């Protein structure tokens, strides 16, 4: 069976200058489709990451703390954790870009930018949830293809 190519608008230009690219009927995505248990688990972790990190961010703001100073100047244990999480975040950002391209997911940069505005503990599991939905959608589309 041939490999299923994910639909991407840049690959389907239509005819004529004003033609809009549209997805084939079987591959249109909606917010209610393809929620697997794993996609839901990733989404729950994303919400927990957002609430957990922003609880402490708000405390730091209210207490007028030197956020970056506390982050890097609170001793070797905190510095070790900082380096550990930064390396994981960089690796995660690379994975987001590579997997988004591989699966034809648009807007990978949004997860990376949002990680600086919210928390990587939110955006990375959110990306994994959307990735899982994309994989489930591709699998569902493959099931609908006629077998030869």
Protein backbone atom coordinates (compact mmCIF):
# COMPACT_ATOMS: atom_id res chain seq x y z
CA UNK A 1 0.00 0.00 0.00
CA UNK A 2 1.46 3.42 -0.86
CA UNK A 3 2.35 5.79 1.96
CA UNK A 4 -0.34 8.30 2.82
CA UNK A 5 0.80 11.82 2.06
CA UNK A 6 -0.70 14.36 4.47
CA UNK A 7 -2.69 17.10 2.79
CA UNK A 8 -1.05 20.49 2.85
CA UNK A 9 -2.39 23.59 1.09
CA UNK A 10 1.00 24.52 -0.35
CA UNK A 11 0.95 21.29 -2.36
CA UNK A 12 -2.54 21.88 -3.85
CA UNK A 13 -2.60 25.17 -5.69
CA UNK A 14 -5.87 24.71 -7.57
CA UNK A 15 -6.32 26.18 -11.02
CA UNK A 16 -5.98 29.84 -11.81
CA UNK A 17 -4.59 32.73 -9.81
CA UNK A 18 -7.62 33.16 -7.54
CA UNK A 19 -8.28 29.50 -6.77
CA UNK A 20 -8.33 28.69 -3.09
CA UNK A 21 -6.67 25.52 -1.90
CA UNK A 22 -9.11 23.15 -0.24
CA UNK A 23 -8.50 19.88 1.52
CA UNK A 24 -10.02 16.71 0.16
CA UNK A 25 -13.23 15.86 2.02
CA UNK A 26 -11.73 13.00 4.06
CA UNK A 27 -8.88 15.05 5.49
CA UNK A 28 -10.59 18.19 6.76
CA UNK A 29 -9.77 18.75 10.40
CA UNK A 30 -12.06 19.94 13.15
CA UNK A 31 -11.54 20.56 16.85
CA UNK A 32 -13.83 17.63 17.75
CA UNK A 33 -12.19 14.93 15.63
CA UNK A 34 -9.46 12.46 16.47
CA UNK A 35 -9.29 12.91 20.27
CA UNK A 36 -7.55 9.70 21.32
CA UNK A 37 -6.95 8.88 25.00
CA UNK A 38 -3.28 9.79 24.51
CA UNK A 39 -4.21 13.15 22.94
CA UNK A 40 -6.44 13.88 25.95
CA UNK A 41 -3.66 12.84 28.37
CA UNK A 42 -1.23 15.26 26.65
CA UNK A 43 -3.85 18.02 26.80
CA UNK A 44 -4.41 17.45 30.54
CA UNK A 45 -0.64 17.70 31.08
CA UNK A 46 -0.56 20.93 29.06
CA UNK A 47 -3.27 22.46 31.24
CA UNK A 48 -1.49 21.29 34.41
CA UNK A 49 1.77 22.79 33.10
CA UNK A 50 0.09 26.12 32.38
CA UNK A 51 -1.63 26.34 35.76
CA UNK A 52 1.40 25.08 37.70
CA UNK A 53 3.91 27.43 36.15
CA UNK A 54 1.71 30.50 36.08
CA UNK A 55 0.74 30.07 39.71
CA UNK A 56 4.38 30.66 40.60
CA UNK A 57 4.87 33.31 37.90
CA UNK A 58 2.01 35.35 39.36
CA UNK A 59 3.47 34.94 42.87
CA UNK A 60 6.82 36.21 41.62
CA UNK A 61 5.15 39.21 39.98
CA UNK A 62 3.03 40.05 43.02
CA UNK A 63 6.06 39.76 45.33
CA UNK A 64 8.13 41.93 42.93
CA UNK A 65 10.78 39.21 42.69
CA UNK A 66 13.77 39.36 40.36
CA UNK A 67 12.52 36.46 38.24
CA UNK A 68 15.69 35.86 36.22
CA UNK A 69 17.92 36.49 39.23
CA UNK A 70 15.99 33.92 41.27
CA UNK A 71 16.10 31.52 38.33
CA UNK A 72 19.88 31.49 37.89
CA UNK A 73 21.18 32.74 41.23
CA UNK A 74 19.50 30.48 43.76
CA UNK A 75 22.30 27.96 44.10
CA UNK A 76 23.76 25.00 42.23
CA UNK A 77 20.63 22.82 42.50
CA UNK A 78 18.42 25.43 40.83
CA UNK A 79 21.12 26.14 38.24
CA UNK A 80 21.37 22.43 37.48
CA UNK A 81 17.60 22.22 37.05
CA UNK A 82 17.67 25.33 34.85
CA UNK A 83 20.29 23.85 32.49
CA UNK A 84 18.45 20.51 32.49
CA UNK A 85 15.14 22.12 31.49
CA UNK A 86 16.70 24.46 28.94
CA UNK A 87 18.35 21.54 27.13
CA UNK A 88 15.06 19.63 27.14
CA UNK A 89 13.23 22.73 25.86
CA UNK A 90 15.67 23.17 22.97
CA UNK A 91 15.37 19.48 22.07
CA UNK A 92 11.58 19.78 22.30
CA UNK A 93 11.57 22.82 20.01
CA UNK A 94 13.60 20.90 17.44
CA UNK A 95 11.13 18.00 17.70
CA UNK A 96 8.19 20.39 17.24
CA UNK A 97 9.68 21.79 14.02
CA UNK A 98 10.75 18.41 12.60
CA UNK A 99 7.49 16.59 13.44
CA UNK A 100 5.33 19.46 12.23
CA UNK A 101 7.07 19.40 8.87
CA UNK A 102 6.95 15.61 8.66
CA UNK A 103 3.22 15.48 9.42
CA UNK A 104 2.22 18.58 7.46
CA UNK A 105 1.11 20.47 10.58
CA UNK A 106 1.00 24.23 10.16
CA UNK A 107 2.00 26.80 12.79
CA UNK A 108 4.87 25.02 14.57
CA UNK A 109 6.40 28.41 15.34
CA UNK A 110 3.33 29.29 17.43
CA UNK A 111 4.18 26.58 20.00
CA UNK A 112 7.74 27.86 20.25
CA UNK A 113 6.75 31.52 20.62
CA UNK A 114 4.02 30.63 23.12
CA UNK A 115 6.56 28.74 25.22
CA UNK A 116 8.32 32.04 25.90
CA UNK A 117 5.05 33.77 26.75
CA UNK A 118 3.47 30.97 28.81
CA UNK A 119 5.61 27.93 29.63
CA UNK A 120 7.19 25.04 27.75
CA UNK A 121 5.42 22.81 30.30
CA UNK A 122 2.23 24.01 28.57
CA UNK A 123 3.21 24.27 24.90
CA UNK A 124 5.11 20.99 24.53
CA UNK A 125 2.33 18.71 25.80
CA UNK A 126 -0.14 20.84 23.80
CA UNK A 127 1.92 20.17 20.67
CA UNK A 128 2.06 16.45 21.54
CA UNK A 129 -1.73 16.43 21.88
CA UNK A 130 -2.21 18.07 18.48
CA UNK A 131 0.41 15.73 16.99
CA UNK A 132 -1.47 12.72 18.35
CA UNK A 133 -4.70 14.03 16.81
CA UNK A 134 -2.91 14.49 13.49
CA UNK A 135 -1.56 10.93 13.61
CA UNK A 136 -5.04 9.60 14.43
CA UNK A 137 -6.48 11.58 11.51
CA UNK A 138 -3.88 10.21 9.11
CA UNK A 139 -4.62 6.68 10.35
CA UNK A 140 -8.37 7.23 9.94
CA UNK A 141 -7.83 8.54 6.39
CA UNK A 142 -5.70 5.49 5.57
CA UNK A 143 -8.53 3.25 6.79
CA UNK A 144 -10.94 4.93 4.35
CA UNK A 145 -8.65 4.46 1.33
CA UNK A 146 -9.64 1.60 -0.95
CA UNK A 147 -7.33 -1.35 -0.59
CA UNK A 148 -5.81 -2.74 -3.77
